[in-house]
PDB file of N, CA and C in Angstrom:
ATOM      1  N   MET A   1       6.518   6.454   0.225  1.00  0.00           N
ATOM      2  CA  MET A   1       6.678   6.357  -1.200  1.00  0.00           C
ATOM      3  C   MET A   1       5.523   5.520  -1.711  1.00  0.00           C
ATOM      4  N   LEU A   2       4.896   5.995  -2.788  1.00  0.00           N
ATOM      5  CA  LEU A   2       3.849   5.240  -3.478  1.00  0.00           C
ATOM      6  C   LEU A   2       4.416   4.695  -4.759  1.00  0.00           C
ATOM      7  N   GLN A   3       4.204   3.426  -5.024  1.00  0.00           N
ATOM      8  CA  GLN A   3       4.628   2.862  -6.295  1.00  0.00           C
ATOM      9  C   GLN A   3       3.445   2.878  -7.242  1.00  0.00           C
ATOM     10  N   LEU A   4       3.589   3.551  -8.358  1.00  0.00           N
ATOM     11  CA  LEU A   4       2.535   3.673  -9.353  1.00  0.00           C
ATOM     12  C   LEU A   4       2.646   2.574 -10.407  1.00  0.00           C
ATOM     13  N   ASP A   5       1.610   2.468 -11.237  1.00  0.00           N
ATOM     14  CA  ASP A   5       1.653   1.519 -12.332  1.00  0.00           C
ATOM     15  C   ASP A   5       2.912   1.721 -13.181  1.00  0.00           C
ATOM     16  N   GLY A   6       3.490   0.686 -13.624  1.00  0.00           N
ATOM     17  CA  GLY A   6       4.688   0.798 -14.449  1.00  0.00           C
ATOM     18  C   GLY A   6       5.970   0.900 -13.617  1.00  0.00           C
ATOM     19  N   GLY A   7       5.847   0.822 -12.281  1.00  0.00           N
ATOM     20  CA  GLY A   7       7.005   0.859 -11.400  1.00  0.00           C
ATOM     21  C   GLY A   7       7.486   2.233 -11.047  1.00  0.00           C
ATOM     22  N   VAL A   8       6.745   3.293 -11.457  1.00  0.00           N
ATOM     23  CA  VAL A   8       7.105   4.646 -11.115  1.00  0.00           C
ATOM     24  C   VAL A   8       6.878   4.845  -9.638  1.00  0.00           C
ATOM     25  N   GLU A   9       7.812   5.505  -8.947  1.00  0.00           N
ATOM     26  CA  GLU A   9       7.691   5.756  -7.520  1.00  0.00           C
ATOM     27  C   GLU A   9       7.435   7.209  -7.253  1.00  0.00           C
ATOM     28  N   LEU A  10       6.469   7.514  -6.372  1.00  0.00           N
ATOM     29  CA  LEU A  10       6.094   8.872  -6.002  1.00  0.00           C
ATOM     30  C   LEU A  10       6.438   9.035  -4.514  1.00  0.00           C
ATOM     31  N   VAL A  11       7.353   9.918  -4.192  1.00  0.00           N
ATOM     32  CA  VAL A  11       7.706  10.165  -2.801  1.00  0.00           C
ATOM     33  C   VAL A  11       6.697  11.141  -2.209  1.00  0.00           C
ATOM     34  N   VAL A  12       6.128  10.805  -1.081  1.00  0.00           N
ATOM     35  CA  VAL A  12       5.123  11.670  -0.436  1.00  0.00           C
ATOM     36  C   VAL A  12       5.563  11.907   0.993  1.00  0.00           C
ATOM     37  N   MET A  13       5.096  13.007   1.543  1.00  0.00           N
ATOM     38  CA  MET A  13       5.379  13.366   2.926  1.00  0.00           C
ATOM     39  C   MET A  13       4.044  13.654   3.628  1.00  0.00           C
ATOM     40  N   ILE A  14       3.789  13.019   4.765  1.00  0.00           N
ATOM     41  CA  ILE A  14       2.607  13.310   5.541  1.00  0.00           C
ATOM     42  C   ILE A  14       3.027  13.527   6.983  1.00  0.00           C
ATOM     43  N   THR A  15       2.124  14.113   7.772  1.00  0.00           N
ATOM     44  CA  THR A  15       2.453  14.319   9.165  1.00  0.00           C
ATOM     45  C   THR A  15       2.341  12.997   9.939  1.00  0.00           C
ATOM     46  N   THR A  16       2.982  12.968  11.064  1.00  0.00           N
ATOM     47  CA  THR A  16       2.890  11.769  11.936  1.00  0.00           C
ATOM     48  C   THR A  16       1.450  11.540  12.329  1.00  0.00           C
ATOM     49  N   GLY A  17       0.723  12.656  12.595  1.00  0.00           N
ATOM     50  CA  GLY A  17      -0.695  12.515  12.981  1.00  0.00           C
ATOM     51  C   GLY A  17      -1.518  11.888  11.924  1.00  0.00           C
ATOM     52  N   SER A  18      -1.298  12.263  10.668  1.00  0.00           N
ATOM     53  CA  SER A  18      -1.997  11.653   9.547  1.00  0.00           C
ATOM     54  C   SER A  18      -1.638  10.185   9.394  1.00  0.00           C
ATOM     55  N   GLU A  19      -0.401   9.884   9.543  1.00  0.00           N
ATOM     56  CA  GLU A  19       0.065   8.486   9.463  1.00  0.00           C
ATOM     57  C   GLU A  19      -0.670   7.635  10.506  1.00  0.00           C
ATOM     58  N   GLN A  20      -0.795   8.179  11.726  1.00  0.00           N
ATOM     59  CA  GLN A  20      -1.464   7.437  12.787  1.00  0.00           C
ATOM     60  C   GLN A  20      -2.937   7.307  12.516  1.00  0.00           C
ATOM     61  N   LYS A  21      -3.578   8.392  12.082  1.00  0.00           N
ATOM     62  CA  LYS A  21      -5.009   8.375  11.821  1.00  0.00           C
ATOM     63  C   LYS A  21      -5.385   7.384  10.708  1.00  0.00           C
ATOM     64  N   LEU A  22      -4.490   7.298   9.696  1.00  0.00           N
ATOM     65  CA  LEU A  22      -4.740   6.358   8.561  1.00  0.00           C
ATOM     66  C   LEU A  22      -4.237   4.974   8.881  1.00  0.00           C
ATOM     67  N   ASP A  23      -3.522   4.826   9.991  1.00  0.00           N
ATOM     68  CA  ASP A  23      -2.964   3.519  10.412  1.00  0.00           C
ATOM     69  C   ASP A  23      -2.117   2.918   9.312  1.00  0.00           C
ATOM     70  N   LEU A  24      -1.247   3.759   8.679  1.00  0.00           N
ATOM     71  CA  LEU A  24      -0.425   3.305   7.576  1.00  0.00           C
ATOM     72  C   LEU A  24       0.785   2.546   8.103  1.00  0.00           C
ATOM     73  N   LYS A  25       1.049   1.436   7.402  1.00  0.00           N
ATOM     74  CA  LYS A  25       2.266   0.625   7.702  1.00  0.00           C
ATOM     75  C   LYS A  25       2.972   0.384   6.389  1.00  0.00           C
ATOM     76  N   PRO A  26       4.301   0.144   6.427  1.00  0.00           N
ATOM     77  CA  PRO A  26       5.023  -0.138   5.178  1.00  0.00           C
ATOM     78  C   PRO A  26       4.371  -1.303   4.423  1.00  0.00           C
ATOM     79  N   GLY A  27       4.168  -1.102   3.150  1.00  0.00           N
ATOM     80  CA  GLY A  27       3.574  -2.120   2.299  1.00  0.00           C
ATOM     81  C   GLY A  27       2.064  -2.042   2.143  1.00  0.00           C
ATOM     82  N   ASP A  28       1.417  -1.172   2.940  1.00  0.00           N
ATOM     83  CA  ASP A  28      -0.040  -0.996   2.784  1.00  0.00           C
ATOM     84  C   ASP A  28      -0.366  -0.347   1.474  1.00  0.00           C
ATOM     85  N   ALA A  29      -1.481  -0.716   0.907  1.00  0.00           N
ATOM     86  CA  ALA A  29      -1.986  -0.064  -0.330  1.00  0.00           C
ATOM     87  C   ALA A  29      -2.570   1.276   0.032  1.00  0.00           C
ATOM     88  N   ALA A  30      -2.308   2.287  -0.826  1.00  0.00           N
ATOM     89  CA  ALA A  30      -2.831   3.625  -0.606  1.00  0.00           C
ATOM     90  C   ALA A  30      -2.998   4.313  -1.928  1.00  0.00           C
ATOM     91  N   CYS A  31      -3.726   5.389  -1.957  1.00  0.00           N
ATOM     92  CA  CYS A  31      -3.837   6.161  -3.162  1.00  0.00           C
ATOM     93  C   CYS A  31      -3.596   7.635  -2.786  1.00  0.00           C
ATOM     94  N   ALA A  32      -3.277   8.418  -3.769  1.00  0.00           N
ATOM     95  CA  ALA A  32      -2.974   9.836  -3.526  1.00  0.00           C
ATOM     96  C   ALA A  32      -3.802  10.733  -4.454  1.00  0.00           C
ATOM     97  N   LEU A  33      -4.284  11.802  -3.909  1.00  0.00           N
ATOM     98  CA  LEU A  33      -4.949  12.831  -4.680  1.00  0.00           C
ATOM     99  C   LEU A  33      -4.052  14.058  -4.589  1.00  0.00           C
ATOM    100  N   ILE A  34      -3.621  14.555  -5.726  1.00  0.00           N
ATOM    101  CA  ILE A  34      -2.708  15.692  -5.749  1.00  0.00           C
ATOM    102  C   ILE A  34      -3.511  16.941  -6.031  1.00  0.00           C
ATOM    103  N   LYS A  35      -3.485  17.878  -5.106  1.00  0.00           N
ATOM    104  CA  LYS A  35      -4.161  19.157  -5.284  1.00  0.00           C
ATOM    105  C   LYS A  35      -3.159  20.255  -4.950  1.00  0.00           C
ATOM    106  N   ALA A  36      -2.669  20.897  -5.985  1.00  0.00           N
ATOM    107  CA  ALA A  36      -1.662  21.918  -5.795  1.00  0.00           C
ATOM    108  C   ALA A  36      -1.670  22.892  -6.945  1.00  0.00           C
ATOM    109  N   ASN A  37      -1.301  24.116  -6.645  1.00  0.00           N
ATOM    110  CA  ASN A  37      -1.201  25.085  -7.736  1.00  0.00           C
ATOM    111  C   ASN A  37       0.182  25.076  -8.371  1.00  0.00           C
ATOM    112  N   LEU A  38       1.114  24.320  -7.765  1.00  0.00           N
ATOM    113  CA  LEU A  38       2.455  24.233  -8.290  1.00  0.00           C
ATOM    114  C   LEU A  38       3.028  22.861  -7.943  1.00  0.00           C
ATOM    115  N   VAL A  39       3.482  22.128  -8.949  1.00  0.00           N
ATOM    116  CA  VAL A  39       4.144  20.852  -8.712  1.00  0.00           C
ATOM    117  C   VAL A  39       5.519  20.927  -9.431  1.00  0.00           C
ATOM    118  N   ILE A  40       6.586  20.660  -8.713  1.00  0.00           N
ATOM    119  CA  ILE A  40       7.914  20.683  -9.239  1.00  0.00           C
ATOM    120  C   ILE A  40       8.406  19.246  -9.381  1.00  0.00           C
ATOM    121  N   LEU A  41       8.745  18.845 -10.546  1.00  0.00           N
ATOM    122  CA  LEU A  41       9.260  17.477 -10.781  1.00  0.00           C
ATOM    123  C   LEU A  41      10.733  17.526 -11.126  1.00  0.00           C
ATOM    124  N   GLY A  42      11.458  16.497 -10.753  1.00  0.00           N
ATOM    125  CA  GLY A  42      12.858  16.405 -11.109  1.00  0.00           C
ATOM    126  C   GLY A  42      13.127  15.024 -11.679  1.00  0.00           C
ATOM    127  N   VAL A  43      14.178  14.956 -12.452  1.00  0.00           N
ATOM    128  CA  VAL A  43      14.598  13.629 -13.015  1.00  0.00           C
ATOM    129  C   VAL A  43      16.072  13.462 -12.766  1.00  0.00           C
ATOM    130  N   ASP A  44      16.481  12.206 -12.702  1.00  0.00           N
ATOM    131  CA  ASP A  44      17.918  11.899 -12.563  1.00  0.00           C
ATOM    132  C   ASP A  44      18.600  12.267 -13.874  1.00  0.00           C
ATOM    133  N   ALA A  45      19.737  12.941 -13.762  1.00  0.00           N
ATOM    134  CA  ALA A  45      20.485  13.322 -14.952  1.00  0.00           C
ATOM    135  C   ALA A  45      21.423  12.229 -15.364  1.00  0.00           C
TER     136      ALA A  45
END
C-alpha cells in the first residue's frame, strides 16, 4: 500500500521477485508510475 499526499492510500500488487529486487520493506518510501489502458476505481459506500 502506498500512502499518497492527503492520506489517500493506494493498494498495489507486485511480484515477490520485484519485491526482492527492489529490497522493499514495510515503511520504505516508494513511488508508483501507473501505465494502463484501464483503471477501475472503487469507493466505500
